[in-house]
Amino acid sequence: MPGTLELAQAIIENRRPEYLVTANLNYLMLTNQHPRLEEINRDAAAIIADGQPIVRRSRRGEGLELPERVAGSDLIVELAKLSSRQGYSIYFLGAAPGVAQAAADQLVTEFPGLKIAGVQSPPFRQLTAAEHQAMVADIHESGADILLVAFGQPKGECWIYDNLHDLNVPLCIQLGASFDFLAGTAKRAPRFWQRIGCEWLYRALSDPWRLVPRYGMNILFLASLLAGDFIARKKRAD
């Protein structure tokens, strides 16, 4: 986490629009399904591992070894702490009506003096050109140092990439369910489940109708990755 926060602060101080990608196993699977995400990943300031399977696979010698998981739900709190200390302002965008505001309010309670540049929860439908223009203009004029987006994967990453240079925000991040955890509309796994790398299982048990199908596909995708890794290692050994 310290390295991620140092990078975030350097980006903000540089004032040039950048974005971070928080990649969990589902995002890795989506990258295989949506070729456009490869371009988005390539141009990101950094890709952060938000999933234990990604970290553990890296330790098996597949690509660059990742030191730790940086959960988006922890990152949002640490960014708020950093912002309250440095005087940065944060803009909250996305999630269901009222959720982004509740998340912002919770962080202000935890970190008095935290500056909220703005909050928007646009409707889930396709926005009109005028609505989209007004939303982007509000962010641009807010003077925010950080934009936190909760549009879901891969919509959030694609939206940031498409609008990055119109937003006038140094650091943009798509953060998944982090708004809901802060707002209390979803419950994050207790620390024990997080420590043993089974936060996904807790969430699946808490919301089976929505998450079991998704996690089932993620597990099948992980199995195919591990099988491919095994075959590749065997070929190298031969």
Protein backbone atom coordinates (compact mmCIF):
# COMPACT_ATOMS: atom_id res chain seq x y z
CA MET A 1 0.00 0.00 0.00
CA PRO A 2 2.74 2.59 0.76
CA GLY A 3 4.09 2.30 -2.79
CA THR A 4 0.63 2.80 -4.26
CA LEU A 5 0.03 5.90 -2.14
CA GLU A 6 3.43 7.33 -3.08
CA LEU A 7 2.56 6.84 -6.75
CA ALA A 8 -0.86 8.44 -6.26
CA GLN A 9 0.67 11.48 -4.58
CA ALA A 10 3.31 11.83 -7.31
CA ILE A 11 0.58 11.74 -9.99
CA ILE A 12 -1.48 14.37 -8.20
CA GLU A 13 1.49 16.67 -7.71
CA ASN A 14 2.47 16.26 -11.38
CA ARG A 15 -1.03 17.56 -12.39
CA ARG A 16 -1.08 15.55 -15.62
CA PRO A 17 -4.23 13.38 -16.01
CA GLU A 18 -3.49 9.73 -15.22
CA TYR A 19 -5.47 6.71 -14.09
CA LEU A 20 -4.86 3.56 -12.07
CA VAL A 21 -6.46 0.19 -12.83
CA THR A 22 -7.48 -1.98 -9.87
CA ALA A 23 -7.46 -5.49 -11.32
CA ASN A 24 -9.16 -8.44 -9.67
CA LEU A 25 -9.72 -11.86 -11.22
CA ASN A 26 -12.95 -10.74 -12.85
CA TYR A 27 -11.16 -7.84 -14.52
CA LEU A 28 -8.45 -10.20 -15.78
CA MET A 29 -11.18 -12.37 -17.31
CA LEU A 30 -12.84 -9.33 -18.88
CA THR A 31 -9.51 -8.28 -20.38
CA ASN A 32 -9.47 -11.58 -22.27
CA GLN A 33 -13.00 -10.91 -23.53
CA HIS A 34 -12.63 -7.21 -24.38
CA PRO A 35 -9.50 -6.50 -26.46
CA ARG A 36 -9.94 -2.77 -25.81
CA LEU A 37 -8.97 -3.30 -22.18
CA GLU A 38 -5.47 -4.29 -23.29
CA GLU A 39 -4.99 -0.75 -24.60
CA ILE A 40 -6.44 0.71 -21.41
CA ASN A 41 -4.12 -1.44 -19.29
CA ARG A 42 -1.10 -0.49 -21.38
CA ASP A 43 -1.72 3.25 -20.94
CA ALA A 44 -2.49 3.10 -17.21
CA ALA A 45 -0.05 4.72 -14.78
CA ALA A 46 -0.12 1.40 -12.91
CA ILE A 47 -2.17 -1.77 -12.56
CA ILE A 48 -2.86 -2.67 -8.94
CA ALA A 49 -3.62 -6.25 -7.90
CA ASP A 50 -7.00 -6.23 -6.16
CA GLY A 51 -7.25 -10.00 -5.79
CA GLN A 52 -5.28 -12.73 -4.03
CA PRO A 53 -5.37 -15.14 -7.01
CA ILE A 54 -3.49 -12.57 -9.10
CA VAL A 55 -0.84 -12.08 -6.40
CA ARG A 56 -0.42 -15.81 -5.79
CA ARG A 57 -0.13 -16.56 -9.50
CA SER A 58 2.58 -13.90 -9.83
CA ARG A 59 4.55 -15.63 -7.06
CA ARG A 60 4.58 -18.83 -9.10
CA GLY A 61 6.83 -17.11 -11.61
CA GLU A 62 4.17 -15.99 -14.08
CA GLY A 63 5.15 -12.44 -15.00
CA LEU A 64 6.21 -9.71 -12.58
CA GLU A 65 5.94 -10.74 -8.92
CA LEU A 66 3.43 -8.58 -7.09
CA PRO A 67 4.30 -7.78 -3.47
CA GLU A 68 0.75 -7.68 -2.09
CA ARG A 69 -2.91 -7.27 -2.75
CA VAL A 70 -4.17 -3.69 -2.60
CA ALA A 71 -7.93 -3.91 -2.18
CA GLY A 72 -9.90 -1.04 -3.67
CA SER A 73 -11.92 -0.93 -0.46
CA ASP A 74 -8.74 -0.24 1.52
CA LEU A 75 -7.29 2.08 -1.11
CA ILE A 76 -10.27 4.46 -1.01
CA VAL A 77 -9.83 4.92 2.75
CA GLU A 78 -6.08 5.47 2.46
CA LEU A 79 -6.60 7.98 -0.35
CA ALA A 80 -9.07 9.87 1.85
CA LYS A 81 -6.54 9.87 4.69
CA LEU A 82 -3.82 11.13 2.34
CA SER A 83 -6.15 13.79 0.93
CA SER A 84 -7.18 15.09 4.34
CA ARG A 85 -3.52 15.43 5.24
CA GLN A 86 -2.37 17.03 1.97
CA GLY A 87 -5.45 19.14 1.26
CA TYR A 88 -6.49 17.20 -1.85
CA SER A 89 -10.14 17.11 -2.91
CA ILE A 90 -12.05 14.03 -4.07
CA TYR A 91 -14.95 13.73 -6.51
CA PHE A 92 -17.31 10.73 -6.17
CA LEU A 93 -19.02 9.48 -9.33
CA GLY A 94 -21.38 6.56 -9.79
CA ALA A 95 -23.19 3.86 -7.79
CA ALA A 96 -26.91 3.86 -6.99
CA PRO A 97 -28.67 7.10 -5.98
CA GLY A 98 -27.52 8.26 -2.56
CA VAL A 99 -24.67 5.75 -2.24
CA ALA A 100 -21.86 8.02 -3.45
CA GLN A 101 -23.02 10.81 -1.14
CA ALA A 102 -23.21 8.42 1.82
CA ALA A 103 -19.71 7.14 1.03
CA ALA A 104 -18.37 10.69 0.87
CA ASP A 105 -20.11 11.58 4.14
CA GLN A 106 -18.62 8.53 5.87
CA LEU A 107 -15.09 9.46 4.81
CA VAL A 108 -15.58 13.06 5.97
CA THR A 109 -16.68 11.67 9.34
CA GLU A 110 -13.54 9.52 9.52
CA PHE A 111 -11.24 12.25 8.25
CA PRO A 112 -12.50 15.71 9.28
CA GLY A 113 -11.32 18.37 6.89
CA LEU A 114 -11.46 16.08 3.86
CA LYS A 115 -12.52 18.18 0.86
CA ILE A 116 -15.32 16.78 -1.30
CA ALA A 117 -15.10 18.35 -4.76
CA GLY A 118 -18.43 16.92 -5.89
CA VAL A 119 -20.78 13.94 -5.94
CA GLN A 120 -22.83 12.57 -8.84
CA SER A 121 -24.83 9.37 -9.25
CA PRO A 122 -25.97 9.42 -12.88
CA PRO A 123 -28.84 7.13 -13.93
CA PHE A 124 -27.91 3.64 -15.12
CA ARG A 125 -29.47 4.26 -18.52
CA GLN A 126 -27.56 5.66 -21.48
CA LEU A 127 -27.06 9.37 -20.90
CA THR A 128 -28.04 11.88 -23.54
CA ALA A 129 -25.22 13.89 -25.11
CA ALA A 130 -26.30 16.94 -23.11
CA GLU A 131 -26.40 14.99 -19.82
CA HIS A 132 -22.97 13.52 -20.44
CA GLN A 133 -21.53 16.90 -21.35
CA ALA A 134 -22.97 18.46 -18.18
CA MET A 135 -21.57 15.65 -16.02
CA VAL A 136 -18.07 15.97 -17.48
CA ALA A 137 -18.22 19.77 -17.22
CA ASP A 138 -19.14 19.58 -13.54
CA ILE A 139 -16.14 17.34 -12.83
CA HIS A 140 -13.86 19.56 -14.92
CA GLU A 141 -14.93 22.72 -13.09
CA SER A 142 -14.79 21.14 -9.63
CA GLY A 143 -11.00 21.36 -9.37
CA ALA A 144 -10.87 17.82 -7.98
CA ASP A 145 -7.49 16.20 -7.41
CA ILE A 146 -8.92 12.66 -7.37
CA LEU A 147 -11.91 11.20 -9.21
CA LEU A 148 -13.30 7.95 -7.79
CA VAL A 149 -15.65 6.13 -10.16
CA ALA A 150 -18.12 3.34 -9.39
CA PHE A 151 -19.55 2.36 -12.77
CA GLY A 152 -18.65 -1.33 -12.62
CA GLN A 153 -16.21 -3.29 -14.78
CA PRO A 154 -15.33 -2.67 -17.55
CA LYS A 155 -17.61 0.35 -17.97
CA GLY A 156 -15.73 2.42 -15.40
CA GLU A 157 -12.30 1.80 -16.90
CA CYS A 158 -13.56 2.51 -20.43
CA TRP A 159 -15.35 5.69 -19.33
CA ILE A 160 -12.27 7.06 -17.60
CA TYR A 161 -10.10 6.25 -20.62
CA ASP A 162 -12.50 7.93 -23.06
CA ASN A 163 -12.94 11.09 -20.99
CA LEU A 164 -9.60 11.41 -19.20
CA HIS A 165 -8.38 14.56 -20.91
CA ASP A 166 -11.74 16.34 -20.62
CA LEU A 167 -12.04 15.80 -16.87
CA ASN A 168 -9.16 18.01 -15.69
CA VAL A 169 -8.44 15.62 -12.80
CA PRO A 170 -4.90 14.38 -12.10
CA LEU A 171 -5.85 10.95 -10.73
CA CYS A 172 -8.83 8.79 -11.74
CA ILE A 173 -9.67 5.32 -10.40
CA GLN A 174 -12.57 2.89 -10.94
CA LEU A 175 -13.21 1.28 -7.54
CA GLY A 176 -16.00 -1.28 -7.78
CA ALA A 177 -18.08 -1.89 -4.66
CA SER A 178 -16.04 0.41 -2.41
CA PHE A 179 -18.77 3.08 -2.33
CA ASP A 180 -21.33 0.51 -1.17
CA PHE A 181 -19.09 -0.77 1.62
CA LEU A 182 -18.55 2.76 2.94
CA ALA A 183 -22.22 3.65 2.60
CA GLY A 184 -23.31 0.47 4.38
CA THR A 185 -25.44 -0.75 1.46
CA ALA A 186 -23.17 -3.80 1.17
CA LYS A 187 -21.16 -5.55 3.86
CA ARG A 188 -17.46 -6.19 3.39
CA ALA A 189 -16.00 -9.48 4.59
CA PRO A 190 -14.59 -9.50 8.14
CA ARG A 191 -10.80 -9.24 8.48
CA PHE A 192 -10.43 -13.00 9.00
CA TRP A 193 -11.90 -13.75 5.59
CA GLN A 194 -9.70 -11.07 4.04
CA ARG A 195 -6.53 -12.45 5.66
CA ILE A 196 -7.07 -15.98 4.37
CA GLY A 197 -7.81 -14.72 0.86
CA CYS A 198 -11.47 -15.77 0.85
CA GLU A 199 -13.21 -12.40 0.78
CA TRP A 200 -14.77 -13.48 -2.52
CA LEU A 201 -16.37 -16.51 -0.80
CA TYR A 202 -17.88 -14.36 1.94
CA ARG A 203 -19.33 -12.00 -0.65
CA ALA A 204 -20.71 -14.91 -2.67
CA LEU A 205 -22.46 -16.30 0.40
CA SER A 206 -23.82 -12.84 1.23
CA ASP A 207 -25.22 -12.21 -2.28
CA PRO A 208 -25.46 -15.63 -3.98
CA TRP A 209 -27.96 -14.80 -6.73
CA ARG A 210 -25.77 -12.05 -8.14
CA LEU A 211 -22.25 -13.17 -7.31
CA VAL A 212 -22.19 -16.99 -7.47
CA PRO A 213 -22.57 -17.06 -11.29
CA ARG A 214 -19.85 -14.42 -11.68
CA TYR A 215 -17.44 -16.10 -9.29
CA GLY A 216 -18.17 -19.44 -10.92
CA MET A 217 -16.99 -18.04 -14.26
CA ASN A 218 -13.98 -16.48 -12.53
CA ILE A 219 -12.97 -19.85 -11.03
CA LEU A 220 -13.22 -21.57 -14.41
CA PHE A 221 -11.12 -18.81 -15.94
CA LEU A 222 -8.51 -19.15 -13.17
CA ALA A 223 -8.39 -22.91 -13.73
CA SER A 224 -7.71 -22.35 -17.43
CA LEU A 225 -4.94 -19.87 -16.57
CA LEU A 226 -3.28 -22.27 -14.14
CA ALA A 227 -3.53 -25.10 -16.66
CA GLY A 228 -1.90 -22.89 -19.28
CA ASP A 229 0.84 -21.93 -16.81
CA PHE A 230 1.50 -25.61 -16.05
CA ILE A 231 1.77 -26.51 -19.72
CA ALA A 232 4.08 -23.55 -20.37
CA ARG A 233 6.38 -24.52 -17.48
CA LYS A 234 6.45 -28.13 -18.67
CA LYS A 235 7.44 -27.04 -22.17
CA ARG A 236 10.20 -24.83 -20.79
CA ALA A 237 11.48 -27.71 -18.68
CA ASP A 238 11.56 -30.00 -21.73
